[in-house]
């Protein structure tokens, strides 16, 4: 039996979607028949991503708009363009690049402020713009991408640990406030997924320890019960379910996709 996600005719906006988790999620939404708007800061990367999705899925209802989600005017333009092309956002996937690595002593005020705009205010502003259409339709789905740090803080990632746990509080509050409008809100945290971001974190750790990056990867795999890094497509499968009509009763949750890595309850 093939599961019907009910996405034909729905419009999804996926931010930071020219590569990595955002791209995998946008591609799977397109494969399921949704109208998809991709966004990132690079025009060239976006055009390449859209061309690939159309080629691989056969869905031509895929568009792109460049935007830096940490910039308020860019977010406004992104929604204006999405509404022009697709008449509104039914499903909002809030994704952004990770804030800089670092610990408390090395993190500057400017980095704190930048990470706040990138990680938290980007979600607040995008959600604010998506809600009028969702409320008018009395239906909507919002999925906020975070990190496994929402369950267990990660070393040398104090900005991520701080602001991404804030996304959990925001999502929980919105789930309660928006339930009467049939809008479901969830937070999704990737663990050790094979992306450029994780590769960069592994490389930084290898340098600090004075070892090869392969050794860091082997140690990471030993800590994961499934014994491997996840794929972006495995993460995307959960994102698409949470963002689809197939999900009718999961809201206000913070879920990690991590192969069993996080041991906290």
C-alpha atoms as a PDB file:
ATOM      1  CA  UNK A   1       0.000   0.000   0.000  1.00  0.00           C
ATOM      2  CA  UNK A   2       1.375   3.399  -1.019  1.00  0.00           C
ATOM      3  CA  UNK A   3       0.804   6.180   1.480  1.00  0.00           C
ATOM      4  CA  UNK A   4      -1.015   9.227   0.131  1.00  0.00           C
ATOM      5  CA  UNK A   5       0.339  12.356   1.813  1.00  0.00           C
ATOM      6  CA  UNK A   6      -2.459  14.464   0.309  1.00  0.00           C
ATOM      7  CA  UNK A   7      -0.057  17.105  -0.985  1.00  0.00           C
ATOM      8  CA  UNK A   8      -1.345  17.651  -4.521  1.00  0.00           C
ATOM      9  CA  UNK A   9      -2.505  21.263  -4.722  1.00  0.00           C
ATOM     10  CA  UNK A  10      -0.771  22.299  -1.492  1.00  0.00           C
ATOM     11  CA  UNK A  11       1.947  24.948  -1.594  1.00  0.00           C
ATOM     12  CA  UNK A  12       5.056  24.531   0.527  1.00  0.00           C
ATOM     13  CA  UNK A  13       7.799  27.069   1.148  1.00  0.00           C
ATOM     14  CA  UNK A  14      11.142  25.577   2.205  1.00  0.00           C
ATOM     15  CA  UNK A  15      13.798  28.066   3.267  1.00  0.00           C
ATOM     16  CA  UNK A  16      17.540  27.349   2.999  1.00  0.00           C
ATOM     17  CA  UNK A  17      16.690  24.693   0.432  1.00  0.00           C
ATOM     18  CA  UNK A  18      19.369  24.830  -2.251  1.00  0.00           C
ATOM     19  CA  UNK A  19      21.273  21.975  -0.570  1.00  0.00           C
ATOM     20  CA  UNK A  20      21.357  19.660   2.426  1.00  0.00           C
ATOM     21  CA  UNK A  21      18.273  18.992   4.523  1.00  0.00           C
ATOM     22  CA  UNK A  22      16.275  21.791   2.923  1.00  0.00           C
ATOM     23  CA  UNK A  23      16.919  20.512  -0.591  1.00  0.00           C
ATOM     24  CA  UNK A  24      16.062  16.912   0.316  1.00  0.00           C
ATOM     25  CA  UNK A  25      12.814  18.108   1.895  1.00  0.00           C
ATOM     26  CA  UNK A  26      11.858  20.300  -1.056  1.00  0.00           C
ATOM     27  CA  UNK A  27      12.572  17.458  -3.477  1.00  0.00           C
ATOM     28  CA  UNK A  28      10.388  15.005  -1.556  1.00  0.00           C
ATOM     29  CA  UNK A  29       7.523  17.482  -1.328  1.00  0.00           C
ATOM     30  CA  UNK A  30       7.790  17.950  -5.099  1.00  0.00           C
ATOM     31  CA  UNK A  31       7.866  14.188  -5.642  1.00  0.00           C
ATOM     32  CA  UNK A  32       4.595  13.982  -3.699  1.00  0.00           C
ATOM     33  CA  UNK A  33       2.949  16.525  -6.002  1.00  0.00           C
ATOM     34  CA  UNK A  34       3.097  19.735  -3.967  1.00  0.00           C
ATOM     35  CA  UNK A  35       3.788  23.181  -5.363  1.00  0.00           C
ATOM     36  CA  UNK A  36       7.221  24.065  -3.972  1.00  0.00           C
ATOM     37  CA  UNK A  37       9.044  27.362  -3.467  1.00  0.00           C
ATOM     38  CA  UNK A  38      12.754  27.067  -2.717  1.00  0.00           C
ATOM     39  CA  UNK A  39      14.861  29.798  -1.192  1.00  0.00           C
ATOM     40  CA  UNK A  40      18.461  30.452  -0.215  1.00  0.00           C
ATOM     41  CA  UNK A  41      20.991  33.263  -0.623  1.00  0.00           C
ATOM     42  CA  UNK A  42      22.476  32.004  -3.915  1.00  0.00           C
ATOM     43  CA  UNK A  43      20.673  32.488  -7.228  1.00  0.00           C
ATOM     44  CA  UNK A  44      22.917  30.010  -9.002  1.00  0.00           C
ATOM     45  CA  UNK A  45      22.519  27.301  -6.372  1.00  0.00           C
ATOM     46  CA  UNK A  46      18.749  27.781  -6.364  1.00  0.00           C
ATOM     47  CA  UNK A  47      18.443  27.523 -10.138  1.00  0.00           C
ATOM     48  CA  UNK A  48      20.535  24.350 -10.099  1.00  0.00           C
ATOM     49  CA  UNK A  49      18.423  22.907  -7.276  1.00  0.00           C
ATOM     50  CA  UNK A  50      15.136  23.637  -9.055  1.00  0.00           C
ATOM     51  CA  UNK A  51      16.411  22.193 -12.327  1.00  0.00           C
ATOM     52  CA  UNK A  52      17.439  19.019 -10.529  1.00  0.00           C
ATOM     53  CA  UNK A  53      14.109  18.664  -8.709  1.00  0.00           C
ATOM     54  CA  UNK A  54      12.101  19.148 -11.901  1.00  0.00           C
ATOM     55  CA  UNK A  55      14.310  16.655 -13.727  1.00  0.00           C
ATOM     56  CA  UNK A  56      14.142  14.024 -10.976  1.00  0.00           C
ATOM     57  CA  UNK A  57      10.462  14.352  -9.984  1.00  0.00           C
ATOM     58  CA  UNK A  58       8.756  15.520 -13.172  1.00  0.00           C
ATOM     59  CA  UNK A  59       6.946  18.189 -11.119  1.00  0.00           C
ATOM     60  CA  UNK A  60       7.193  21.529 -12.885  1.00  0.00           C
ATOM     61  CA  UNK A  61       5.347  23.483 -10.169  1.00  0.00           C
ATOM     62  CA  UNK A  62       8.658  24.344  -8.521  1.00  0.00           C
ATOM     63  CA  UNK A  63       9.974  27.900  -8.225  1.00  0.00           C
ATOM     64  CA  UNK A  64      12.733  29.765  -6.441  1.00  0.00           C
ATOM     65  CA  UNK A  65      13.388  33.116  -4.835  1.00  0.00           C
ATOM     66  CA  UNK A  66      16.669  34.266  -3.271  1.00  0.00           C
ATOM     67  CA  UNK A  67      16.475  35.438   0.333  1.00  0.00           C
ATOM     68  CA  UNK A  68      18.624  35.814   3.410  1.00  0.00           C
ATOM     69  CA  UNK A  69      16.156  34.753   6.104  1.00  0.00           C
ATOM     70  CA  UNK A  70      18.029  36.762   8.730  1.00  0.00           C
ATOM     71  CA  UNK A  71      17.034  39.948   6.845  1.00  0.00           C
ATOM     72  CA  UNK A  72      13.497  41.204   7.440  1.00  0.00           C
ATOM     73  CA  UNK A  73      13.103  42.766   3.971  1.00  0.00           C
ATOM     74  CA  UNK A  74      14.251  39.539   2.291  1.00  0.00           C
ATOM     75  CA  UNK A  75      11.631  37.520   4.170  1.00  0.00           C
ATOM     76  CA  UNK A  76       8.935  39.982   3.115  1.00  0.00           C
ATOM     77  CA  UNK A  77      10.030  39.779  -0.537  1.00  0.00           C
ATOM     78  CA  UNK A  78      10.129  35.977  -0.378  1.00  0.00           C
ATOM     79  CA  UNK A  79       6.513  35.794   0.758  1.00  0.00           C
ATOM     80  CA  UNK A  80       5.411  38.409  -1.764  1.00  0.00           C
ATOM     81  CA  UNK A  81       6.954  36.297  -4.529  1.00  0.00           C
ATOM     82  CA  UNK A  82       5.508  33.034  -3.216  1.00  0.00           C
ATOM     83  CA  UNK A  83       2.049  34.582  -3.026  1.00  0.00           C
ATOM     84  CA  UNK A  84       2.454  35.945  -6.562  1.00  0.00           C
ATOM     85  CA  UNK A  85       3.443  32.555  -7.978  1.00  0.00           C
ATOM     86  CA  UNK A  86       1.359  30.177  -5.875  1.00  0.00           C
ATOM     87  CA  UNK A  87      -1.228  32.406  -4.107  1.00  0.00           C
ATOM     88  CA  UNK A  88      -0.091  31.615  -0.575  1.00  0.00           C
ATOM     89  CA  UNK A  89       1.781  29.230   1.703  1.00  0.00           C
ATOM     90  CA  UNK A  90      -0.063  26.191   3.073  1.00  0.00           C
ATOM     91  CA  UNK A  91       3.012  24.500   4.528  1.00  0.00           C
ATOM     92  CA  UNK A  92       5.979  26.408   5.936  1.00  0.00           C
ATOM     93  CA  UNK A  93       9.294  24.651   6.468  1.00  0.00           C
ATOM     94  CA  UNK A  94      11.565  26.973   8.441  1.00  0.00           C
ATOM     95  CA  UNK A  95      15.190  26.091   7.862  1.00  0.00           C
ATOM     96  CA  UNK A  96      18.387  28.131   8.124  1.00  0.00           C
ATOM     97  CA  UNK A  97      22.105  27.562   8.113  1.00  0.00           C
ATOM     98  CA  UNK A  98      23.594  26.793  11.491  1.00  0.00           C
ATOM     99  CA  UNK A  99      25.052  29.636  13.573  1.00  0.00           C
ATOM    100  CA  UNK A 100      28.828  29.762  14.057  1.00  0.00           C
ATOM    101  CA  UNK A 101      30.565  27.211  16.221  1.00  0.00           C
ATOM    102  CA  UNK A 102      32.118  28.404  19.472  1.00  0.00           C
ATOM    103  CA  UNK A 103      31.934  28.405  23.248  1.00  0.00           C
ATOM    104  CA  UNK A 104      30.820  31.122  25.665  1.00  0.00           C
ATOM    105  CA  UNK A 105      34.216  32.787  26.067  1.00  0.00           C
ATOM    106  CA  UNK A 106      34.893  33.051  22.336  1.00  0.00           C
ATOM    107  CA  UNK A 107      31.424  34.203  21.194  1.00  0.00           C
ATOM    108  CA  UNK A 108      31.021  37.934  20.591  1.00  0.00           C
ATOM    109  CA  UNK A 109      27.983  40.174  21.014  1.00  0.00           C
ATOM    110  CA  UNK A 110      27.795  40.472  17.235  1.00  0.00           C
ATOM    111  CA  UNK A 111      27.669  36.679  16.890  1.00  0.00           C
ATOM    112  CA  UNK A 112      24.937  36.441  19.520  1.00  0.00           C
ATOM    113  CA  UNK A 113      22.902  39.071  17.695  1.00  0.00           C
ATOM    114  CA  UNK A 114      23.468  37.501  14.281  1.00  0.00           C
ATOM    115  CA  UNK A 115      22.489  34.035  15.484  1.00  0.00           C
ATOM    116  CA  UNK A 116      19.327  35.462  17.069  1.00  0.00           C
ATOM    117  CA  UNK A 117      18.273  36.964  13.732  1.00  0.00           C
ATOM    118  CA  UNK A 118      19.206  33.831  11.764  1.00  0.00           C
ATOM    119  CA  UNK A 119      17.873  31.122  14.038  1.00  0.00           C
ATOM    120  CA  UNK A 120      14.919  32.617  15.891  1.00  0.00           C
ATOM    121  CA  UNK A 121      13.705  35.841  14.291  1.00  0.00           C
ATOM    122  CA  UNK A 122      13.732  34.262  10.830  1.00  0.00           C
ATOM    123  CA  UNK A 123      11.151  31.742  12.035  1.00  0.00           C
ATOM    124  CA  UNK A 124       9.079  34.375  13.810  1.00  0.00           C
ATOM    125  CA  UNK A 125       8.933  36.628  10.753  1.00  0.00           C
ATOM    126  CA  UNK A 126       8.189  33.824   8.290  1.00  0.00           C
ATOM    127  CA  UNK A 127       5.483  32.385  10.512  1.00  0.00           C
ATOM    128  CA  UNK A 128       3.895  35.814  10.927  1.00  0.00           C
ATOM    129  CA  UNK A 129       3.673  36.156   7.138  1.00  0.00           C
ATOM    130  CA  UNK A 130       2.327  32.635   6.576  1.00  0.00           C
ATOM    131  CA  UNK A 131      -0.481  32.785   9.131  1.00  0.00           C
ATOM    132  CA  UNK A 132      -3.049  35.014   7.344  1.00  0.00           C
ATOM    133  CA  UNK A 133      -3.319  32.552   4.426  1.00  0.00           C
ATOM    134  CA  UNK A 134      -3.388  29.526   6.736  1.00  0.00           C
ATOM    135  CA  UNK A 135      -6.049  31.074   8.960  1.00  0.00           C
ATOM    136  CA  UNK A 136      -8.172  32.002   5.954  1.00  0.00           C
ATOM    137  CA  UNK A 137      -8.001  28.385   4.794  1.00  0.00           C
ATOM    138  CA  UNK A 138      -8.401  27.043   8.361  1.00  0.00           C
ATOM    139  CA  UNK A 139      -5.521  24.684   7.631  1.00  0.00           C
ATOM    140  CA  UNK A 140      -1.764  24.831   7.810  1.00  0.00           C
ATOM    141  CA  UNK A 141       1.423  23.052   8.797  1.00  0.00           C
ATOM    142  CA  UNK A 142       4.616  24.609  10.175  1.00  0.00           C
ATOM    143  CA  UNK A 143       7.776  22.578  10.721  1.00  0.00           C
ATOM    144  CA  UNK A 144      10.805  24.281  12.245  1.00  0.00           C
ATOM    145  CA  UNK A 145      14.177  22.648  11.626  1.00  0.00           C
ATOM    146  CA  UNK A 146      16.466  22.788  14.633  1.00  0.00           C
ATOM    147  CA  UNK A 147      19.103  20.332  15.900  1.00  0.00           C
ATOM    148  CA  UNK A 148      19.446  17.382  18.241  1.00  0.00           C
ATOM    149  CA  UNK A 149      20.668  20.062  20.684  1.00  0.00           C
ATOM    150  CA  UNK A 150      16.980  20.646  21.484  1.00  0.00           C
ATOM    151  CA  UNK A 151      17.262  17.445  23.540  1.00  0.00           C
ATOM    152  CA  UNK A 152      20.945  17.381  24.484  1.00  0.00           C
ATOM    153  CA  UNK A 153      23.387  20.332  24.215  1.00  0.00           C
ATOM    154  CA  UNK A 154      26.336  19.886  21.869  1.00  0.00           C
ATOM    155  CA  UNK A 155      29.907  20.870  22.697  1.00  0.00           C
ATOM    156  CA  UNK A 156      31.241  24.060  21.088  1.00  0.00           C
ATOM    157  CA  UNK A 157      27.805  25.020  19.733  1.00  0.00           C
ATOM    158  CA  UNK A 158      26.543  27.425  22.382  1.00  0.00           C
ATOM    159  CA  UNK A 159      24.612  29.580  19.911  1.00  0.00           C
ATOM    160  CA  UNK A 160      22.757  26.592  18.505  1.00  0.00           C
ATOM    161  CA  UNK A 161      22.130  25.186  21.986  1.00  0.00           C
ATOM    162  CA  UNK A 162      20.620  28.486  23.113  1.00  0.00           C
ATOM    163  CA  UNK A 163      18.475  29.615  20.231  1.00  0.00           C
ATOM    164  CA  UNK A 164      17.306  26.270  18.918  1.00  0.00           C
ATOM    165  CA  UNK A 165      15.879  25.326  22.286  1.00  0.00           C
ATOM    166  CA  UNK A 166      14.054  28.648  21.971  1.00  0.00           C
ATOM    167  CA  UNK A 167      12.421  27.272  18.834  1.00  0.00           C
ATOM    168  CA  UNK A 168      10.964  24.462  20.919  1.00  0.00           C
ATOM    169  CA  UNK A 169       9.297  26.938  23.273  1.00  0.00           C
ATOM    170  CA  UNK A 170       8.021  28.958  20.326  1.00  0.00           C
ATOM    171  CA  UNK A 171       6.659  25.869  18.594  1.00  0.00           C
ATOM    172  CA  UNK A 172       4.944  24.605  21.729  1.00  0.00           C
ATOM    173  CA  UNK A 173       3.312  27.979  22.328  1.00  0.00           C
ATOM    174  CA  UNK A 174       2.195  28.333  18.707  1.00  0.00           C
ATOM    175  CA  UNK A 175       0.771  24.814  18.667  1.00  0.00           C
ATOM    176  CA  UNK A 176      -1.596  25.820  21.458  1.00  0.00           C
ATOM    177  CA  UNK A 177      -2.464  29.219  20.015  1.00  0.00           C
ATOM    178  CA  UNK A 178      -3.035  27.972  16.459  1.00  0.00           C
ATOM    179  CA  UNK A 179      -4.856  24.706  17.157  1.00  0.00           C
ATOM    180  CA  UNK A 180      -8.308  26.361  16.831  1.00  0.00           C
ATOM    181  CA  UNK A 181      -7.315  27.299  13.259  1.00  0.00           C
ATOM    182  CA  UNK A 182      -6.267  23.688  12.484  1.00  0.00           C
ATOM    183  CA  UNK A 183      -2.630  24.737  12.090  1.00  0.00           C
ATOM    184  CA  UNK A 184      -0.121  22.188  13.410  1.00  0.00           C
ATOM    185  CA  UNK A 185       3.362  23.242  14.522  1.00  0.00           C
ATOM    186  CA  UNK A 186       6.311  20.954  15.235  1.00  0.00           C
ATOM    187  CA  UNK A 187      10.068  21.179  15.730  1.00  0.00           C
ATOM    188  CA  UNK A 188      12.333  18.678  14.020  1.00  0.00           C
ATOM    189  CA  UNK A 189      15.941  18.160  15.062  1.00  0.00           C
ATOM    190  CA  UNK A 190      18.533  16.336  12.949  1.00  0.00           C
ATOM    191  CA  UNK A 191      21.239  14.322  14.634  1.00  0.00           C
ATOM    192  CA  UNK A 192      24.305  13.139  12.751  1.00  0.00           C
ATOM    193  CA  UNK A 193      22.937  13.540   9.236  1.00  0.00           C
ATOM    194  CA  UNK A 194      25.457  13.484   6.372  1.00  0.00           C
ATOM    195  CA  UNK A 195      25.385  17.177   5.403  1.00  0.00           C
ATOM    196  CA  UNK A 196      28.007  19.865   4.795  1.00  0.00           C
ATOM    197  CA  UNK A 197      27.218  21.320   8.228  1.00  0.00           C
ATOM    198  CA  UNK A 198      28.005  18.059  10.018  1.00  0.00           C
ATOM    199  CA  UNK A 199      31.124  17.596   7.919  1.00  0.00           C
ATOM    200  CA  UNK A 200      32.319  21.060   8.988  1.00  0.00           C
ATOM    201  CA  UNK A 201      31.662  20.273  12.658  1.00  0.00           C
ATOM    202  CA  UNK A 202      33.580  17.008  12.335  1.00  0.00           C
ATOM    203  CA  UNK A 203      36.477  18.810  10.669  1.00  0.00           C
ATOM    204  CA  UNK A 204      36.619  21.410  13.439  1.00  0.00           C
ATOM    205  CA  UNK A 205      36.623  18.729  16.112  1.00  0.00           C
ATOM    206  CA  UNK A 206      39.338  16.761  14.310  1.00  0.00           C
ATOM    207  CA  UNK A 207      41.520  19.862  14.129  1.00  0.00           C
ATOM    208  CA  UNK A 208      41.042  20.651  17.830  1.00  0.00           C
ATOM    209  CA  UNK A 209      41.953  17.080  18.794  1.00  0.00           C
ATOM    210  CA  UNK A 210      44.834  16.816  16.337  1.00  0.00           C
ATOM    211  CA  UNK A 211      43.422  13.708  14.666  1.00  0.00           C
ATOM    212  CA  UNK A 212      42.151  12.750  11.218  1.00  0.00           C
ATOM    213  CA  UNK A 213      38.511  13.535  10.485  1.00  0.00           C
ATOM    214  CA  UNK A 214      37.964   9.830   9.770  1.00  0.00           C
ATOM    215  CA  UNK A 215      38.719   9.097  13.418  1.00  0.00           C
ATOM    216  CA  UNK A 216      36.119  11.630  14.545  1.00  0.00           C
ATOM    217  CA  UNK A 217      33.563  10.058  12.204  1.00  0.00           C
ATOM    218  CA  UNK A 218      34.323   6.552  13.486  1.00  0.00           C
ATOM    219  CA  UNK A 219      33.851   7.702  17.083  1.00  0.00           C
ATOM    220  CA  UNK A 220      30.568   9.397  16.159  1.00  0.00           C
ATOM    221  CA  UNK A 221      29.273   6.253  14.482  1.00  0.00           C
ATOM    222  CA  UNK A 222      30.154   4.213  17.578  1.00  0.00           C
ATOM    223  CA  UNK A 223      27.859   6.436  19.636  1.00  0.00           C
ATOM    224  CA  UNK A 224      24.883   5.997  17.280  1.00  0.00           C
ATOM    225  CA  UNK A 225      22.869   2.819  17.956  1.00  0.00           C
ATOM    226  CA  UNK A 226      22.175   2.387  14.237  1.00  0.00           C
ATOM    227  CA  UNK A 227      25.916   2.652  13.614  1.00  0.00           C
ATOM    228  CA  UNK A 228      25.882   5.227  10.808  1.00  0.00           C
ATOM    229  CA  UNK A 229      25.099   8.806   9.889  1.00  0.00           C
ATOM    230  CA  UNK A 230      21.600   9.388   8.552  1.00  0.00           C
ATOM    231  CA  UNK A 231      20.859  10.551   5.026  1.00  0.00           C
ATOM    232  CA  UNK A 232      19.118  13.851   4.199  1.00  0.00           C
ATOM    233  CA  UNK A 233      16.334  11.837   2.547  1.00  0.00           C
ATOM    234  CA  UNK A 234      15.637   9.978   5.813  1.00  0.00           C
ATOM    235  CA  UNK A 235      15.286  13.277   7.623  1.00  0.00           C
ATOM    236  CA  UNK A 236      13.120  14.690   4.824  1.00  0.00           C
ATOM    237  CA  UNK A 237      10.679  11.796   5.111  1.00  0.00           C
ATOM    238  CA  UNK A 238       9.790  12.866   8.653  1.00  0.00           C
ATOM    239  CA  UNK A 239       9.575  16.529   7.656  1.00  0.00           C
ATOM    240  CA  UNK A 240       7.191  15.766   4.796  1.00  0.00           C
ATOM    241  CA  UNK A 241       4.941  13.658   7.007  1.00  0.00           C
ATOM    242  CA  UNK A 242       4.730  16.338   9.707  1.00  0.00           C
ATOM    243  CA  UNK A 243       4.044  18.976   7.052  1.00  0.00           C
ATOM    244  CA  UNK A 244       1.382  17.042   5.181  1.00  0.00           C
ATOM    245  CA  UNK A 245      -2.345  16.369   5.572  1.00  0.00           C
ATOM    246  CA  UNK A 246      -1.349  12.806   6.487  1.00  0.00           C
ATOM    247  CA  UNK A 247      -0.374  14.275   9.846  1.00  0.00           C
ATOM    248  CA  UNK A 248      -3.643  15.159  11.490  1.00  0.00           C
ATOM    249  CA  UNK A 249      -2.849  14.906  15.192  1.00  0.00           C
ATOM    250  CA  UNK A 250       0.857  15.564  15.890  1.00  0.00           C
ATOM    251  CA  UNK A 251       1.470  19.127  17.062  1.00  0.00           C
ATOM    252  CA  UNK A 252       3.604  20.919  19.623  1.00  0.00           C
ATOM    253  CA  UNK A 253       6.245  18.202  19.506  1.00  0.00           C
ATOM    254  CA  UNK A 254      10.046  18.326  19.377  1.00  0.00           C
ATOM    255  CA  UNK A 255      11.266  15.254  17.505  1.00  0.00           C
ATOM    256  CA  UNK A 256      14.840  14.218  16.763  1.00  0.00           C
ATOM    257  CA  UNK A 257      15.889  12.154  13.752  1.00  0.00           C
ATOM    258  CA  UNK A 258      19.180  10.780  15.037  1.00  0.00           C
ATOM    259  CA  UNK A 259      19.414   7.001  14.799  1.00  0.00           C
ATOM    260  CA  UNK A 260      18.950   6.738  18.567  1.00  0.00           C
ATOM    261  CA  UNK A 261      21.937   8.957  19.431  1.00  0.00           C
ATOM    262  CA  UNK A 262      20.251  11.138  22.058  1.00  0.00           C
ATOM    263  CA  UNK A 263      19.644   9.150  25.223  1.00  0.00           C
ATOM    264  CA  UNK A 264      17.527  11.676  27.142  1.00  0.00           C
ATOM    265  CA  UNK A 265      13.822  10.998  27.597  1.00  0.00           C
END
